[in-house]
């Protein structure tokens, strides 16, 4: 994961893994009011 990589034309997310195409944005509950959490099992075996 590489921090603060520009992903044109979207923005500059917190972390980017260019090899796998994974983009992570970490936002606090105080400012955004909703946090989505995914377990490894859900992401790997139930992606829908």
PDB file of N, CA and C in Angstrom:
ATOM      1  N   UNK A   1       0.834  -1.173   0.000  1.00  0.00           N
ATOM      2  CA  UNK A   1       0.000   0.000   0.000  1.00  0.00           C
ATOM      3  C   UNK A   1       0.885   1.244   0.000  1.00  0.00           C
ATOM      4  N   UNK A   2       0.507   2.181  -0.857  1.00  0.00           N
ATOM      5  CA  UNK A   2       1.228   3.443  -0.956  1.00  0.00           C
ATOM      6  C   UNK A   2       0.291   4.574  -0.544  1.00  0.00           C
ATOM      7  N   UNK A   3       0.713   5.430   0.370  1.00  0.00           N
ATOM      8  CA  UNK A   3      -0.176   6.507   0.822  1.00  0.00           C
ATOM      9  C   UNK A   3      -0.270   7.655  -0.181  1.00  0.00           C
ATOM     10  N   UNK A   4      -1.488   8.241  -0.256  1.00  0.00           N
ATOM     11  CA  UNK A   4      -1.734   9.487  -0.971  1.00  0.00           C
ATOM     12  C   UNK A   4      -1.297   9.460  -2.436  1.00  0.00           C
ATOM     13  N   UNK A   5      -1.730   8.437  -3.178  1.00  0.00           N
ATOM     14  CA  UNK A   5      -1.442   8.333  -4.606  1.00  0.00           C
ATOM     15  C   UNK A   5      -2.597   8.958  -5.378  1.00  0.00           C
ATOM     16  N   UNK A   6      -2.290   9.792  -6.390  1.00  0.00           N
ATOM     17  CA  UNK A   6      -3.342  10.416  -7.193  1.00  0.00           C
ATOM     18  C   UNK A   6      -3.988   9.366  -8.092  1.00  0.00           C
ATOM     19  N   UNK A   7      -5.311   9.202  -7.999  1.00  0.00           N
ATOM     20  CA  UNK A   7      -6.082   8.275  -8.823  1.00  0.00           C
ATOM     21  C   UNK A   7      -6.973   9.143  -9.706  1.00  0.00           C
ATOM     22  N   UNK A   8      -6.474   9.487 -10.870  1.00  0.00           N
ATOM     23  CA  UNK A   8      -7.166  10.411 -11.771  1.00  0.00           C
ATOM     24  C   UNK A   8      -8.351   9.726 -12.421  1.00  0.00           C
ATOM     25  N   UNK A   9      -9.501  10.311 -12.536  1.00  0.00           N
ATOM     26  CA  UNK A   9      -9.872  11.652 -12.120  1.00  0.00           C
ATOM     27  C   UNK A   9     -10.576  11.665 -10.774  1.00  0.00           C
ATOM     28  N   UNK A  10     -10.443  10.613  -9.983  1.00  0.00           N
ATOM     29  CA  UNK A  10     -11.208  10.510  -8.742  1.00  0.00           C
ATOM     30  C   UNK A  10     -10.675  11.446  -7.670  1.00  0.00           C
ATOM     31  N   UNK A  11      -9.539  11.160  -7.129  1.00  0.00           N
ATOM     32  CA  UNK A  11      -8.948  11.978  -6.078  1.00  0.00           C
ATOM     33  C   UNK A  11      -7.633  11.362  -5.631  1.00  0.00           C
ATOM     34  N   UNK A  12      -7.252  11.681  -4.405  1.00  0.00           N
ATOM     35  CA  UNK A  12      -6.028  11.128  -3.819  1.00  0.00           C
ATOM     36  C   UNK A  12      -6.417  10.376  -2.555  1.00  0.00           C
ATOM     37  N   UNK A  13      -6.737   9.072  -2.675  1.00  0.00           N
ATOM     38  CA  UNK A  13      -7.156   8.310  -1.502  1.00  0.00           C
ATOM     39  C   UNK A  13      -6.005   8.097  -0.521  1.00  0.00           C
ATOM     40  N   UNK A  14      -6.365   7.603   0.665  1.00  0.00           N
ATOM     41  CA  UNK A  14      -5.374   7.406   1.724  1.00  0.00           C
ATOM     42  C   UNK A  14      -4.328   6.356   1.372  1.00  0.00           C
ATOM     43  N   UNK A  15      -4.763   5.222   0.841  1.00  0.00           N
ATOM     44  CA  UNK A  15      -3.838   4.139   0.500  1.00  0.00           C
ATOM     45  C   UNK A  15      -4.227   3.515  -0.827  1.00  0.00           C
ATOM     46  N   UNK A  16      -3.228   3.171  -1.649  1.00  0.00           N
ATOM     47  CA  UNK A  16      -3.472   2.546  -2.952  1.00  0.00           C
ATOM     48  C   UNK A  16      -2.490   1.400  -3.139  1.00  0.00           C
ATOM     49  N   UNK A  17      -3.002   0.265  -3.597  1.00  0.00           N
ATOM     50  CA  UNK A  17      -2.154  -0.857  -4.000  1.00  0.00           C
ATOM     51  C   UNK A  17      -2.326  -1.007  -5.507  1.00  0.00           C
ATOM     52  N   UNK A  18      -1.403  -0.446  -6.265  1.00  0.00           N
ATOM     53  CA  UNK A  18      -1.496  -0.458  -7.712  1.00  0.00           C
ATOM     54  C   UNK A  18      -1.481  -1.847  -8.313  1.00  0.00           C
ATOM     55  N   UNK A  19      -0.768  -2.788  -7.702  1.00  0.00           N
ATOM     56  CA  UNK A  19      -0.672  -4.146  -8.233  1.00  0.00           C
ATOM     57  C   UNK A  19      -2.008  -4.879  -8.183  1.00  0.00           C
ATOM     58  N   UNK A  20      -2.746  -4.713  -7.087  1.00  0.00           N
ATOM     59  CA  UNK A  20      -4.019  -5.427  -6.940  1.00  0.00           C
ATOM     60  C   UNK A  20      -5.222  -4.561  -7.301  1.00  0.00           C
ATOM     61  N   UNK A  21      -5.025  -3.242  -7.405  1.00  0.00           N
ATOM     62  CA  UNK A  21      -6.134  -2.349  -7.709  1.00  0.00           C
ATOM     63  C   UNK A  21      -6.981  -1.986  -6.504  1.00  0.00           C
ATOM     64  N   UNK A  22      -6.477  -2.263  -5.299  1.00  0.00           N
ATOM     65  CA  UNK A  22      -7.216  -1.955  -4.078  1.00  0.00           C
ATOM     66  C   UNK A  22      -6.951  -0.501  -3.675  1.00  0.00           C
ATOM     67  N   UNK A  23      -8.042   0.213  -3.384  1.00  0.00           N
ATOM     68  CA  UNK A  23      -7.954   1.600  -2.943  1.00  0.00           C
ATOM     69  C   UNK A  23      -8.671   1.704  -1.606  1.00  0.00           C
ATOM     70  N   UNK A  24      -8.018   2.276  -0.596  1.00  0.00           N
ATOM     71  CA  UNK A  24      -8.599   2.420   0.732  1.00  0.00           C
ATOM     72  C   UNK A  24      -8.691   3.889   1.121  1.00  0.00           C
ATOM     73  N   UNK A  25      -9.829   4.251   1.642  1.00  0.00           N
ATOM     74  CA  UNK A  25     -10.031   5.603   2.164  1.00  0.00           C
ATOM     75  C   UNK A  25     -10.510   5.454   3.595  1.00  0.00           C
ATOM     76  N   UNK A  26      -9.795   6.035   4.536  1.00  0.00           N
ATOM     77  CA  UNK A  26     -10.136   5.933   5.946  1.00  0.00           C
ATOM     78  C   UNK A  26     -10.751   7.248   6.405  1.00  0.00           C
ATOM     79  N   UNK A  27     -12.029   7.234   6.714  1.00  0.00           N
ATOM     80  CA  UNK A  27     -12.729   8.425   7.172  1.00  0.00           C
ATOM     81  C   UNK A  27     -13.228   8.204   8.588  1.00  0.00           C
ATOM     82  N   UNK A  28     -13.222   9.251   9.370  1.00  0.00           N
ATOM     83  CA  UNK A  28     -13.661   9.125  10.750  1.00  0.00           C
ATOM     84  C   UNK A  28     -15.183   9.215  10.854  1.00  0.00           C
ATOM     85  N   UNK A  29     -15.725   8.569  11.832  1.00  0.00           N
ATOM     86  CA  UNK A  29     -17.174   8.566  12.064  1.00  0.00           C
ATOM     87  C   UNK A  29     -17.677   9.971  12.394  1.00  0.00           C
ATOM     88  N   UNK A  30     -16.875  10.730  13.102  1.00  0.00           N
ATOM     89  CA  UNK A  30     -17.284  12.072  13.524  1.00  0.00           C
ATOM     90  C   UNK A  30     -17.634  12.970  12.337  1.00  0.00           C
ATOM     91  N   UNK A  31     -16.857  12.892  11.268  1.00  0.00           N
ATOM     92  CA  UNK A  31     -17.077  13.768  10.121  1.00  0.00           C
ATOM     93  C   UNK A  31     -18.031  13.187   9.085  1.00  0.00           C
ATOM     94  N   UNK A  32     -18.105  11.877   9.004  1.00  0.00           N
ATOM     95  CA  UNK A  32     -18.862  11.260   7.920  1.00  0.00           C
ATOM     96  C   UNK A  32     -20.093  10.487   8.378  1.00  0.00           C
ATOM     97  N   UNK A  33     -20.177  10.110   9.622  1.00  0.00           N
ATOM     98  CA  UNK A  33     -21.385   9.510  10.171  1.00  0.00           C
ATOM     99  C   UNK A  33     -21.648   8.063   9.814  1.00  0.00           C
ATOM    100  N   UNK A  34     -20.848   7.487   8.919  1.00  0.00           N
ATOM    101  CA  UNK A  34     -21.079   6.088   8.575  1.00  0.00           C
ATOM    102  C   UNK A  34     -19.762   5.454   8.196  1.00  0.00           C
ATOM    103  N   UNK A  35     -19.527   4.275   8.778  1.00  0.00           N
ATOM    104  CA  UNK A  35     -18.320   3.518   8.483  1.00  0.00           C
ATOM    105  C   UNK A  35     -18.732   2.143   8.006  1.00  0.00           C
ATOM    106  N   UNK A  36     -18.212   1.726   6.871  1.00  0.00           N
ATOM    107  CA  UNK A  36     -18.477   0.391   6.344  1.00  0.00           C
ATOM    108  C   UNK A  36     -17.265  -0.484   6.631  1.00  0.00           C
ATOM    109  N   UNK A  37     -17.522  -1.611   7.262  1.00  0.00           N
ATOM    110  CA  UNK A  37     -16.431  -2.533   7.583  1.00  0.00           C
ATOM    111  C   UNK A  37     -16.693  -3.859   6.892  1.00  0.00           C
ATOM    112  N   UNK A  38     -15.657  -4.411   6.311  1.00  0.00           N
ATOM    113  CA  UNK A  38     -15.756  -5.683   5.618  1.00  0.00           C
ATOM    114  C   UNK A  38     -14.724  -6.639   6.191  1.00  0.00           C
ATOM    115  N   UNK A  39     -15.164  -7.826   6.541  1.00  0.00           N
ATOM    116  CA  UNK A  39     -14.215  -8.833   7.016  1.00  0.00           C
ATOM    117  C   UNK A  39     -13.550  -9.485   5.810  1.00  0.00           C
ATOM    118  N   UNK A  40     -12.403 -10.084   6.030  1.00  0.00           N
ATOM    119  CA  UNK A  40     -11.681 -10.766   4.964  1.00  0.00           C
ATOM    120  C   UNK A  40     -12.548 -11.856   4.349  1.00  0.00           C
ATOM    121  N   UNK A  41     -13.271 -12.589   5.182  1.00  0.00           N
ATOM    122  CA  UNK A  41     -14.113 -13.673   4.683  1.00  0.00           C
ATOM    123  C   UNK A  41     -15.191 -13.159   3.736  1.00  0.00           C
ATOM    124  N   UNK A  42     -15.821 -12.026   4.078  1.00  0.00           N
ATOM    125  CA  UNK A  42     -16.854 -11.480   3.207  1.00  0.00           C
ATOM    126  C   UNK A  42     -16.269 -11.003   1.872  1.00  0.00           C
ATOM    127  N   UNK A  43     -15.145 -10.339   1.931  1.00  0.00           N
ATOM    128  CA  UNK A  43     -14.543  -9.836   0.709  1.00  0.00           C
ATOM    129  C   UNK A  43     -14.092 -10.984  -0.194  1.00  0.00           C
ATOM    130  N   UNK A  44     -13.535 -12.006   0.389  1.00  0.00           N
ATOM    131  CA  UNK A  44     -12.990 -13.115  -0.415  1.00  0.00           C
ATOM    132  C   UNK A  44     -14.046 -14.106  -0.893  1.00  0.00           C
ATOM    133  N   UNK A  45     -15.037 -14.396  -0.040  1.00  0.00           N
ATOM    134  CA  UNK A  45     -15.962 -15.479  -0.347  1.00  0.00           C
ATOM    135  C   UNK A  45     -17.402 -15.035  -0.624  1.00  0.00           C
ATOM    136  N   UNK A  46     -17.738 -13.790  -0.316  1.00  0.00           N
ATOM    137  CA  UNK A  46     -19.074 -13.272  -0.577  1.00  0.00           C
ATOM    138  C   UNK A  46     -18.977 -11.843  -1.121  1.00  0.00           C
ATOM    139  N   UNK A  47     -18.324 -11.622  -2.253  1.00  0.00           N
ATOM    140  CA  UNK A  47     -18.079 -10.274  -2.743  1.00  0.00           C
ATOM    141  C   UNK A  47     -19.347  -9.493  -3.086  1.00  0.00           C
ATOM    142  N   UNK A  48     -20.435 -10.168  -3.401  1.00  0.00           N
ATOM    143  CA  UNK A  48     -21.657  -9.456  -3.730  1.00  0.00           C
ATOM    144  C   UNK A  48     -22.230  -8.767  -2.504  1.00  0.00           C
TER     145      UNK A  48
END
